[in-house]
C-alpha atoms as a PDB file:
ATOM      1  CA  UNK A   1       0.000   0.000   0.000  1.00  0.00           C
ATOM      2  CA  UNK A   2       2.776   2.455   0.837  1.00  0.00           C
ATOM      3  CA  UNK A   3       4.411   1.911  -2.546  1.00  0.00           C
ATOM      4  CA  UNK A   4       1.353   3.366  -4.269  1.00  0.00           C
ATOM      5  CA  UNK A   5       1.349   6.522  -2.150  1.00  0.00           C
ATOM      6  CA  UNK A   6       4.319   7.971  -4.005  1.00  0.00           C
ATOM      7  CA  UNK A   7       2.129   8.259  -7.107  1.00  0.00           C
ATOM      8  CA  UNK A   8      -0.579  10.335  -5.408  1.00  0.00           C
ATOM      9  CA  UNK A   9       1.021  13.822  -5.788  1.00  0.00           C
ATOM     10  CA  UNK A  10       1.833  13.397  -9.507  1.00  0.00           C
ATOM     11  CA  UNK A  11      -1.645  11.934 -10.105  1.00  0.00           C
ATOM     12  CA  UNK A  12      -3.296  14.908  -8.380  1.00  0.00           C
ATOM     13  CA  UNK A  13      -1.185  17.295 -10.447  1.00  0.00           C
ATOM     14  CA  UNK A  14      -2.181  15.525 -13.660  1.00  0.00           C
ATOM     15  CA  UNK A  15      -5.828  15.582 -12.586  1.00  0.00           C
ATOM     16  CA  UNK A  16      -5.667  19.330 -11.922  1.00  0.00           C
ATOM     17  CA  UNK A  17      -4.072  19.923 -15.337  1.00  0.00           C
ATOM     18  CA  UNK A  18      -6.711  17.745 -17.006  1.00  0.00           C
ATOM     19  CA  UNK A  19      -9.530  19.589 -15.229  1.00  0.00           C
ATOM     20  CA  UNK A  20      -8.081  22.970 -16.240  1.00  0.00           C
ATOM     21  CA  UNK A  21      -7.605  21.885 -19.849  1.00  0.00           C
ATOM     22  CA  UNK A  22     -11.149  20.534 -20.129  1.00  0.00           C
ATOM     23  CA  UNK A  23     -12.552  23.690 -18.496  1.00  0.00           C
ATOM     24  CA  UNK A  24     -10.706  25.918 -20.993  1.00  0.00           C
ATOM     25  CA  UNK A  25     -11.869  23.786 -23.939  1.00  0.00           C
ATOM     26  CA  UNK A  26     -15.494  23.800 -22.743  1.00  0.00           C
ATOM     27  CA  UNK A  27     -15.222  27.535 -21.993  1.00  0.00           C
ATOM     28  CA  UNK A  28     -14.085  28.189 -25.553  1.00  0.00           C
ATOM     29  CA  UNK A  29     -16.868  26.022 -26.967  1.00  0.00           C
ATOM     30  CA  UNK A  30     -19.848  27.322 -24.950  1.00  0.00           C
ATOM     31  CA  UNK A  31     -18.502  30.478 -23.344  1.00  0.00           C
ATOM     32  CA  UNK A  32     -16.799  31.227 -20.072  1.00  0.00           C
ATOM     33  CA  UNK A  33     -19.997  32.116 -18.165  1.00  0.00           C
ATOM     34  CA  UNK A  34     -21.765  28.951 -19.257  1.00  0.00           C
ATOM     35  CA  UNK A  35     -18.763  26.827 -18.261  1.00  0.00           C
ATOM     36  CA  UNK A  36     -18.655  28.425 -14.804  1.00  0.00           C
ATOM     37  CA  UNK A  37     -22.418  27.880 -14.377  1.00  0.00           C
ATOM     38  CA  UNK A  38     -21.987  24.265 -15.460  1.00  0.00           C
ATOM     39  CA  UNK A  39     -19.285  23.669 -12.840  1.00  0.00           C
ATOM     40  CA  UNK A  40     -21.310  25.409 -10.100  1.00  0.00           C
ATOM     41  CA  UNK A  41     -24.471  23.527 -11.057  1.00  0.00           C
ATOM     42  CA  UNK A  42     -22.672  20.174 -10.995  1.00  0.00           C
ATOM     43  CA  UNK A  43     -21.131  20.981  -7.605  1.00  0.00           C
ATOM     44  CA  UNK A  44     -24.504  21.997  -6.172  1.00  0.00           C
ATOM     45  CA  UNK A  45     -26.113  18.804  -7.500  1.00  0.00           C
ATOM     46  CA  UNK A  46     -23.239  16.803  -5.989  1.00  0.00           C
ATOM     47  CA  UNK A  47     -23.784  18.379  -2.565  1.00  0.00           C
ATOM     48  CA  UNK A  48     -27.493  17.543  -2.656  1.00  0.00           C
ATOM     49  CA  UNK A  49     -26.752  13.990  -3.780  1.00  0.00           C
ATOM     50  CA  UNK A  50     -24.034  13.614  -1.144  1.00  0.00           C
ATOM     51  CA  UNK A  51     -26.590  14.019   1.614  1.00  0.00           C
ATOM     52  CA  UNK A  52     -29.094  11.725  -0.121  1.00  0.00           C
ATOM     53  CA  UNK A  53     -26.504   8.999  -0.822  1.00  0.00           C
ATOM     54  CA  UNK A  54     -25.193   9.174   2.742  1.00  0.00           C
ATOM     55  CA  UNK A  55     -28.683   8.674   4.173  1.00  0.00           C
ATOM     56  CA  UNK A  56     -29.390   5.899   1.661  1.00  0.00           C
ATOM     57  CA  UNK A  57     -26.163   4.085   2.575  1.00  0.00           C
ATOM     58  CA  UNK A  58     -26.896   4.358   6.296  1.00  0.00           C
ATOM     59  CA  UNK A  59     -30.460   3.050   5.882  1.00  0.00           C
ATOM     60  CA  UNK A  60     -29.227   0.127   3.757  1.00  0.00           C
ATOM     61  CA  UNK A  61     -26.583  -0.781   6.335  1.00  0.00           C
ATOM     62  CA  UNK A  62     -29.073  -0.624   9.211  1.00  0.00           C
ATOM     63  CA  UNK A  63     -31.674  -2.679   7.346  1.00  0.00           C
ATOM     64  CA  UNK A  64     -29.113  -5.397   6.564  1.00  0.00           C
ATOM     65  CA  UNK A  65     -27.854  -5.433  10.141  1.00  0.00           C
ATOM     66  CA  UNK A  66     -31.389  -5.649  11.586  1.00  0.00           C
ATOM     67  CA  UNK A  67     -32.339  -8.438   9.162  1.00  0.00           C
ATOM     68  CA  UNK A  68     -29.202 -10.396  10.064  1.00  0.00           C
ATOM     69  CA  UNK A  69     -27.854 -10.273   6.504  1.00  0.00           C
ATOM     70  CA  UNK A  70     -24.213  -9.540   5.715  1.00  0.00           C
ATOM     71  CA  UNK A  71     -23.978  -5.742   5.219  1.00  0.00           C
ATOM     72  CA  UNK A  72     -21.235  -5.842   2.573  1.00  0.00           C
ATOM     73  CA  UNK A  73     -23.384  -5.335  -0.549  1.00  0.00           C
ATOM     74  CA  UNK A  74     -25.195  -2.370   0.989  1.00  0.00           C
ATOM     75  CA  UNK A  75     -21.934  -0.887   2.259  1.00  0.00           C
ATOM     76  CA  UNK A  76     -20.172  -1.167  -1.118  1.00  0.00           C
ATOM     77  CA  UNK A  77     -23.190   0.269  -2.929  1.00  0.00           C
ATOM     78  CA  UNK A  78     -23.274   3.127  -0.435  1.00  0.00           C
ATOM     79  CA  UNK A  79     -19.542   3.783  -0.756  1.00  0.00           C
ATOM     80  CA  UNK A  80     -19.741   3.902  -4.546  1.00  0.00           C
ATOM     81  CA  UNK A  81     -22.725   6.260  -4.336  1.00  0.00           C
ATOM     82  CA  UNK A  82     -20.932   8.504  -1.854  1.00  0.00           C
ATOM     83  CA  UNK A  83     -17.815   8.551  -4.032  1.00  0.00           C
ATOM     84  CA  UNK A  84     -19.905   9.458  -7.076  1.00  0.00           C
ATOM     85  CA  UNK A  85     -21.659  12.283  -5.207  1.00  0.00           C
ATOM     86  CA  UNK A  86     -18.351  13.514  -3.791  1.00  0.00           C
ATOM     87  CA  UNK A  87     -16.739  13.570  -7.235  1.00  0.00           C
ATOM     88  CA  UNK A  88     -19.764  15.421  -8.583  1.00  0.00           C
ATOM     89  CA  UNK A  89     -19.517  17.957  -5.727  1.00  0.00           C
ATOM     90  CA  UNK A  90     -15.848  18.645  -6.464  1.00  0.00           C
ATOM     91  CA  UNK A  91     -15.400  21.632  -8.772  1.00  0.00           C
ATOM     92  CA  UNK A  92     -14.382  20.268 -12.125  1.00  0.00           C
ATOM     93  CA  UNK A  93     -15.943  18.895 -15.257  1.00  0.00           C
ATOM     94  CA  UNK A  94     -13.966  15.636 -15.511  1.00  0.00           C
ATOM     95  CA  UNK A  95     -14.574  14.688 -11.887  1.00  0.00           C
ATOM     96  CA  UNK A  96     -18.238  15.659 -12.325  1.00  0.00           C
ATOM     97  CA  UNK A  97     -18.669  13.355 -15.312  1.00  0.00           C
ATOM     98  CA  UNK A  98     -16.939  10.468 -13.498  1.00  0.00           C
ATOM     99  CA  UNK A  99     -19.111  11.100 -10.424  1.00  0.00           C
ATOM    100  CA  UNK A 100     -22.261  11.189 -12.517  1.00  0.00           C
ATOM    101  CA  UNK A 101     -21.277   7.919 -14.188  1.00  0.00           C
ATOM    102  CA  UNK A 102     -20.732   6.289 -10.780  1.00  0.00           C
ATOM    103  CA  UNK A 103     -24.277   7.240  -9.808  1.00  0.00           C
ATOM    104  CA  UNK A 104     -25.815   5.393 -12.769  1.00  0.00           C
ATOM    105  CA  UNK A 105     -26.969   1.867 -11.789  1.00  0.00           C
ATOM    106  CA  UNK A 106     -24.913  -0.176 -14.326  1.00  0.00           C
ATOM    107  CA  UNK A 107     -21.664   1.610 -13.502  1.00  0.00           C
ATOM    108  CA  UNK A 108     -22.527   1.526  -9.826  1.00  0.00           C
ATOM    109  CA  UNK A 109     -22.881  -2.274  -9.914  1.00  0.00           C
ATOM    110  CA  UNK A 110     -19.643  -2.602 -11.866  1.00  0.00           C
ATOM    111  CA  UNK A 111     -17.721  -0.370  -9.453  1.00  0.00           C
ATOM    112  CA  UNK A 112     -19.353  -2.096  -6.468  1.00  0.00           C
ATOM    113  CA  UNK A 113     -18.117  -5.446  -7.763  1.00  0.00           C
ATOM    114  CA  UNK A 114     -14.617  -4.008  -8.042  1.00  0.00           C
ATOM    115  CA  UNK A 115     -14.778  -2.691  -4.474  1.00  0.00           C
ATOM    116  CA  UNK A 116     -15.977  -6.096  -3.287  1.00  0.00           C
ATOM    117  CA  UNK A 117     -13.155  -7.965  -5.069  1.00  0.00           C
ATOM    118  CA  UNK A 118     -10.566  -5.510  -3.740  1.00  0.00           C
ATOM    119  CA  UNK A 119     -11.937  -5.902  -0.218  1.00  0.00           C
ATOM    120  CA  UNK A 120     -11.946  -9.693  -0.459  1.00  0.00           C
ATOM    121  CA  UNK A 121      -8.298  -9.642  -1.564  1.00  0.00           C
ATOM    122  CA  UNK A 122      -7.206  -7.427   1.317  1.00  0.00           C
ATOM    123  CA  UNK A 123      -9.049  -9.042   4.239  1.00  0.00           C
ATOM    124  CA  UNK A 124      -9.124 -12.599   5.506  1.00  0.00           C
ATOM    125  CA  UNK A 125     -11.684 -14.961   4.059  1.00  0.00           C
ATOM    126  CA  UNK A 126     -13.456 -15.074   7.416  1.00  0.00           C
ATOM    127  CA  UNK A 127     -13.921 -11.281   7.464  1.00  0.00           C
ATOM    128  CA  UNK A 128     -14.990 -11.328   3.796  1.00  0.00           C
ATOM    129  CA  UNK A 129     -17.558 -13.997   4.649  1.00  0.00           C
ATOM    130  CA  UNK A 130     -18.889 -11.859   7.504  1.00  0.00           C
ATOM    131  CA  UNK A 131     -19.138  -8.839   5.192  1.00  0.00           C
ATOM    132  CA  UNK A 132     -20.492 -10.425   2.023  1.00  0.00           C
ATOM    133  CA  UNK A 133     -21.781 -13.829   3.124  1.00  0.00           C
ATOM    134  CA  UNK A 134     -20.545 -17.196   1.899  1.00  0.00           C
ATOM    135  CA  UNK A 135     -19.166 -17.289  -1.622  1.00  0.00           C
ATOM    136  CA  UNK A 136     -21.165 -19.141  -4.208  1.00  0.00           C
ATOM    137  CA  UNK A 137     -19.084 -21.221  -6.547  1.00  0.00           C
ATOM    138  CA  UNK A 138     -19.775 -23.676  -9.326  1.00  0.00           C
ATOM    139  CA  UNK A 139     -18.140 -27.021  -8.719  1.00  0.00           C
ATOM    140  CA  UNK A 140     -17.599 -29.520 -11.525  1.00  0.00           C
ATOM    141  CA  UNK A 141     -17.161 -33.135 -10.635  1.00  0.00           C
ATOM    142  CA  UNK A 142     -15.042 -35.290 -12.834  1.00  0.00           C
ATOM    143  CA  UNK A 143     -11.518 -35.508 -14.126  1.00  0.00           C
ATOM    144  CA  UNK A 144      -9.281 -32.523 -13.388  1.00  0.00           C
ATOM    145  CA  UNK A 145      -8.410 -30.394 -16.355  1.00  0.00           C
ATOM    146  CA  UNK A 146      -4.958 -31.058 -17.762  1.00  0.00           C
ATOM    147  CA  UNK A 147      -2.314 -28.532 -16.774  1.00  0.00           C
ATOM    148  CA  UNK A 148       1.158 -27.859 -18.077  1.00  0.00           C
ATOM    149  CA  UNK A 149       3.542 -29.846 -15.933  1.00  0.00           C
ATOM    150  CA  UNK A 150       7.314 -30.022 -16.191  1.00  0.00           C
ATOM    151  CA  UNK A 151       8.791 -32.962 -18.047  1.00  0.00           C
ATOM    152  CA  UNK A 152       9.036 -36.004 -15.771  1.00  0.00           C
ATOM    153  CA  UNK A 153      12.472 -36.736 -14.489  1.00  0.00           C
ATOM    154  CA  UNK A 154      13.781 -40.220 -15.163  1.00  0.00           C
ATOM    155  CA  UNK A 155      13.442 -41.508 -11.639  1.00  0.00           C
ATOM    156  CA  UNK A 156      12.634 -45.060 -10.745  1.00  0.00           C
ATOM    157  CA  UNK A 157       9.451 -45.354  -8.800  1.00  0.00           C
ATOM    158  CA  UNK A 158       5.780 -45.987  -9.107  1.00  0.00           C
ATOM    159  CA  UNK A 159       3.829 -43.943 -11.624  1.00  0.00           C
ATOM    160  CA  UNK A 160       1.094 -41.708 -10.196  1.00  0.00           C
ATOM    161  CA  UNK A 161      -2.334 -43.304 -10.201  1.00  0.00           C
ATOM    162  CA  UNK A 162      -5.021 -41.492 -12.198  1.00  0.00           C
ATOM    163  CA  UNK A 163      -8.012 -40.058 -10.330  1.00  0.00           C
ATOM    164  CA  UNK A 164     -11.258 -41.944 -10.832  1.00  0.00           C
ATOM    165  CA  UNK A 165     -13.879 -40.086 -12.857  1.00  0.00           C
ATOM    166  CA  UNK A 166     -17.414 -40.202 -11.537  1.00  0.00           C
ATOM    167  CA  UNK A 167     -20.311 -38.302 -13.045  1.00  0.00           C
ATOM    168  CA  UNK A 168     -18.298 -36.242 -15.567  1.00  0.00           C
ATOM    169  CA  UNK A 169     -19.607 -32.858 -16.631  1.00  0.00           C
ATOM    170  CA  UNK A 170     -22.488 -32.374 -14.210  1.00  0.00           C
ATOM    171  CA  UNK A 171     -22.390 -29.194 -12.170  1.00  0.00           C
ATOM    172  CA  UNK A 172     -23.399 -28.963  -8.535  1.00  0.00           C
ATOM    173  CA  UNK A 173     -23.949 -25.784  -6.575  1.00  0.00           C
ATOM    174  CA  UNK A 174     -21.892 -25.303  -3.449  1.00  0.00           C
ATOM    175  CA  UNK A 175     -20.862 -22.776  -0.851  1.00  0.00           C
ATOM    176  CA  UNK A 176     -17.438 -22.062   0.546  1.00  0.00           C
ATOM    177  CA  UNK A 177     -17.776 -21.678   4.276  1.00  0.00           C
ATOM    178  CA  UNK A 178     -14.695 -20.978   6.384  1.00  0.00           C
ATOM    179  CA  UNK A 179     -14.754 -22.382   9.859  1.00  0.00           C
END
């Protein structure tokens, strides 16, 4: 995590330059006054949505907790919504467009899935199970798929026994539960 922090200042500088460039280009296309009104309008909309998304996230978390469901999906949806509203509230056209995109349901689901995968990679499987519930996986019974293995060394000894194949190709649903 610390290795990535050294890229934050240059990234913020590039973002500021990008925002300024886009503002100048939009200002030339539609006029300076219209560009300023567009930025102020987007920021005002972002502030209104920030409050709404915050309340929505809190209600979703509380409802999941009271129902005894894992709160992870509601929390990730709320975080993506808050990030979208925050980006929309920031003065800038590029951040406003990205924030607006994050508030649209298809992009919100896509970003929420990314947040979930990132969270599952960074926390233990037990914590991920508490947050998001047990993972659903598709399990195929039968012979294992062939993999690339190194060439066998000429060593005397018994050859490995092949695994028995029972019920090839049928899928069964399963859950991974850590105990």
